[in-house]
Amino acid sequence: MSLEVDIGIQWGTLDLEAQFAVKPGELVAILGPNGAGKSTVLRCVAGLLPIDRGQVRIDEDVVDERRAPVGSSPPSDARSVSCSRTTCCSPT
């Protein structure tokens, strides 16, 4: 399973741009100081917060490409993303 994230969001005073890709078998760490937007990025990838621009792709499928109003509620069809050790985290 692969993941491609290229998103932009504005959440309160936070204006955040994030772009990264995870290939099958890779592990990724999101690092940064407090308040940098690490948890916000993960919430967007999981579909818990709407994105303002860009997209989230799992394999070849675009799973989020919303252009929601700033500060809106999470979508009613928010999805969960899970990862099993054998699928994502095993060495290749």
C-alpha atoms as a PDB file:
ATOM      1  CA  MET A   1       0.000   0.000   0.000  1.00  0.00           C
ATOM      2  CA  SER A   2       1.326   3.459  -0.855  1.00  0.00           C
ATOM      3  CA  LEU A   3       0.278   6.871   0.445  1.00  0.00           C
ATOM      4  CA  GLU A   4       0.714  10.237  -1.269  1.00  0.00           C
ATOM      5  CA  VAL A   5      -0.180  13.419   0.581  1.00  0.00           C
ATOM      6  CA  ASP A   6      -0.132  16.901  -0.931  1.00  0.00           C
ATOM      7  CA  ILE A   7      -2.435  19.069   1.177  1.00  0.00           C
ATOM      8  CA  GLY A   8      -2.954  22.602   2.320  1.00  0.00           C
ATOM      9  CA  ILE A   9      -5.155  23.635   5.204  1.00  0.00           C
ATOM     10  CA  GLN A  10      -5.910  26.689   7.226  1.00  0.00           C
ATOM     11  CA  TRP A  11      -7.063  25.825  10.734  1.00  0.00           C
ATOM     12  CA  GLY A  12      -7.460  28.796  13.034  1.00  0.00           C
ATOM     13  CA  THR A  13      -4.218  30.740  12.823  1.00  0.00           C
ATOM     14  CA  LEU A  14      -2.352  27.743  11.353  1.00  0.00           C
ATOM     15  CA  ASP A  15      -1.658  27.882   7.620  1.00  0.00           C
ATOM     16  CA  LEU A  16      -0.178  24.485   6.814  1.00  0.00           C
ATOM     17  CA  GLU A  17       1.211  22.875   3.680  1.00  0.00           C
ATOM     18  CA  ALA A  18       2.316  19.223   3.754  1.00  0.00           C
ATOM     19  CA  GLN A  19       3.646  17.005   1.002  1.00  0.00           C
ATOM     20  CA  PHE A  20       5.062  13.499   1.399  1.00  0.00           C
ATOM     21  CA  ALA A  21       4.875  10.008  -0.064  1.00  0.00           C
ATOM     22  CA  VAL A  22       5.164   6.616   1.615  1.00  0.00           C
ATOM     23  CA  LYS A  23       6.010   3.591  -0.520  1.00  0.00           C
ATOM     24  CA  PRO A  24       5.090   0.022   0.431  1.00  0.00           C
ATOM     25  CA  GLY A  25       7.254  -1.205   3.306  1.00  0.00           C
ATOM     26  CA  GLU A  26       8.453   2.254   4.322  1.00  0.00           C
ATOM     27  CA  LEU A  27       8.028   3.891   7.711  1.00  0.00           C
ATOM     28  CA  VAL A  28       7.587   7.640   8.068  1.00  0.00           C
ATOM     29  CA  ALA A  29       7.995   9.936  11.047  1.00  0.00           C
ATOM     30  CA  ILE A  30       6.497  13.416  11.150  1.00  0.00           C
ATOM     31  CA  LEU A  31       8.751  15.585  13.284  1.00  0.00           C
ATOM     32  CA  GLY A  32       8.534  19.203  14.381  1.00  0.00           C
ATOM     33  CA  PRO A  33       8.176  21.540  17.335  1.00  0.00           C
ATOM     34  CA  ASN A  34       5.019  21.927  19.398  1.00  0.00           C
ATOM     35  CA  GLY A  35       2.294  23.658  17.413  1.00  0.00           C
ATOM     36  CA  ALA A  36       3.875  22.962  14.018  1.00  0.00           C
ATOM     37  CA  GLY A  37       0.844  20.969  12.780  1.00  0.00           C
ATOM     38  CA  LYS A  38       1.960  17.334  13.083  1.00  0.00           C
ATOM     39  CA  SER A  39      -1.302  16.113  14.617  1.00  0.00           C
ATOM     40  CA  THR A  40      -3.314  18.285  12.244  1.00  0.00           C
ATOM     41  CA  VAL A  41      -1.635  16.659   9.235  1.00  0.00           C
ATOM     42  CA  LEU A  42      -2.430  13.194  10.598  1.00  0.00           C
ATOM     43  CA  ARG A  43      -6.049  14.191  11.252  1.00  0.00           C
ATOM     44  CA  CYS A  44      -6.348  15.377   7.643  1.00  0.00           C
ATOM     45  CA  VAL A  45      -4.810  12.178   6.283  1.00  0.00           C
ATOM     46  CA  ALA A  46      -7.279  10.143   8.375  1.00  0.00           C
ATOM     47  CA  GLY A  47     -10.183  12.239   7.063  1.00  0.00           C
ATOM     48  CA  LEU A  48     -11.013  13.700  10.479  1.00  0.00           C
ATOM     49  CA  LEU A  49     -10.370  17.279   9.334  1.00  0.00           C
ATOM     50  CA  PRO A  50     -11.267  18.626   5.885  1.00  0.00           C
ATOM     51  CA  ILE A  51      -8.503  19.847   3.604  1.00  0.00           C
ATOM     52  CA  ASP A  52      -8.700  23.183   1.819  1.00  0.00           C
ATOM     53  CA  ARG A  53      -6.576  22.223  -1.176  1.00  0.00           C
ATOM     54  CA  GLY A  54      -4.649  19.277  -2.573  1.00  0.00           C
ATOM     55  CA  GLN A  55      -5.343  15.594  -2.200  1.00  0.00           C
ATOM     56  CA  VAL A  56      -4.672  12.372  -0.319  1.00  0.00           C
ATOM     57  CA  ARG A  57      -4.103   9.196  -2.341  1.00  0.00           C
ATOM     58  CA  ILE A  58      -3.924   5.605  -1.171  1.00  0.00           C
ATOM     59  CA  ASP A  59      -2.406   3.483  -3.920  1.00  0.00           C
ATOM     60  CA  GLU A  60      -3.941   4.959  -7.080  1.00  0.00           C
ATOM     61  CA  ASP A  61      -7.204   6.058  -5.444  1.00  0.00           C
ATOM     62  CA  VAL A  62      -7.837   9.680  -4.479  1.00  0.00           C
ATOM     63  CA  VAL A  63      -9.492   9.352  -1.070  1.00  0.00           C
ATOM     64  CA  ASP A  64      -9.728  13.054  -0.225  1.00  0.00           C
ATOM     65  CA  GLU A  65      -9.814  16.073  -2.489  1.00  0.00           C
ATOM     66  CA  ARG A  66     -12.227  18.267  -0.586  1.00  0.00           C
ATOM     67  CA  ARG A  67     -12.298  22.023  -0.765  1.00  0.00           C
ATOM     68  CA  ALA A  68     -14.102  22.626   2.501  1.00  0.00           C
ATOM     69  CA  PRO A  69     -14.694  26.038   4.090  1.00  0.00           C
ATOM     70  CA  VAL A  70     -12.072  27.094   6.620  1.00  0.00           C
ATOM     71  CA  GLY A  71     -12.975  26.023  10.171  1.00  0.00           C
ATOM     72  CA  SER A  72     -15.791  23.689   9.107  1.00  0.00           C
ATOM     73  CA  SER A  73     -16.723  20.513  10.976  1.00  0.00           C
ATOM     74  CA  PRO A  74     -15.201  17.152  10.080  1.00  0.00           C
ATOM     75  CA  PRO A  75     -17.103  15.511   7.206  1.00  0.00           C
ATOM     76  CA  SER A  76     -19.897  13.104   8.082  1.00  0.00           C
ATOM     77  CA  ASP A  77     -18.220  10.447   5.934  1.00  0.00           C
ATOM     78  CA  ALA A  78     -14.854  10.708   7.729  1.00  0.00           C
ATOM     79  CA  ARG A  79     -12.839   7.576   7.120  1.00  0.00           C
ATOM     80  CA  SER A  80     -10.395   5.731   9.295  1.00  0.00           C
ATOM     81  CA  VAL A  81      -7.003   4.602   8.072  1.00  0.00           C
ATOM     82  CA  SER A  82      -5.389   1.562   9.625  1.00  0.00           C
ATOM     83  CA  CYS A  83      -2.082  -0.164   9.114  1.00  0.00           C
ATOM     84  CA  SER A  84      -1.169  -3.690  10.034  1.00  0.00           C
ATOM     85  CA  ARG A  85       2.490  -4.508  10.762  1.00  0.00           C
ATOM     86  CA  THR A  86       2.661  -7.133   8.050  1.00  0.00           C
ATOM     87  CA  THR A  87       1.317  -4.758   5.387  1.00  0.00           C
ATOM     88  CA  CYS A  88       3.074  -1.465   6.066  1.00  0.00           C
ATOM     89  CA  CYS A  89       5.845  -1.975   8.522  1.00  0.00           C
ATOM     90  CA  SER A  90       7.610  -5.140   7.438  1.00  0.00           C
ATOM     91  CA  PRO A  91      11.032  -4.771   5.861  1.00  0.00           C
ATOM     92  CA  THR A  92      11.167  -5.210   2.091  1.00  0.00           C
END
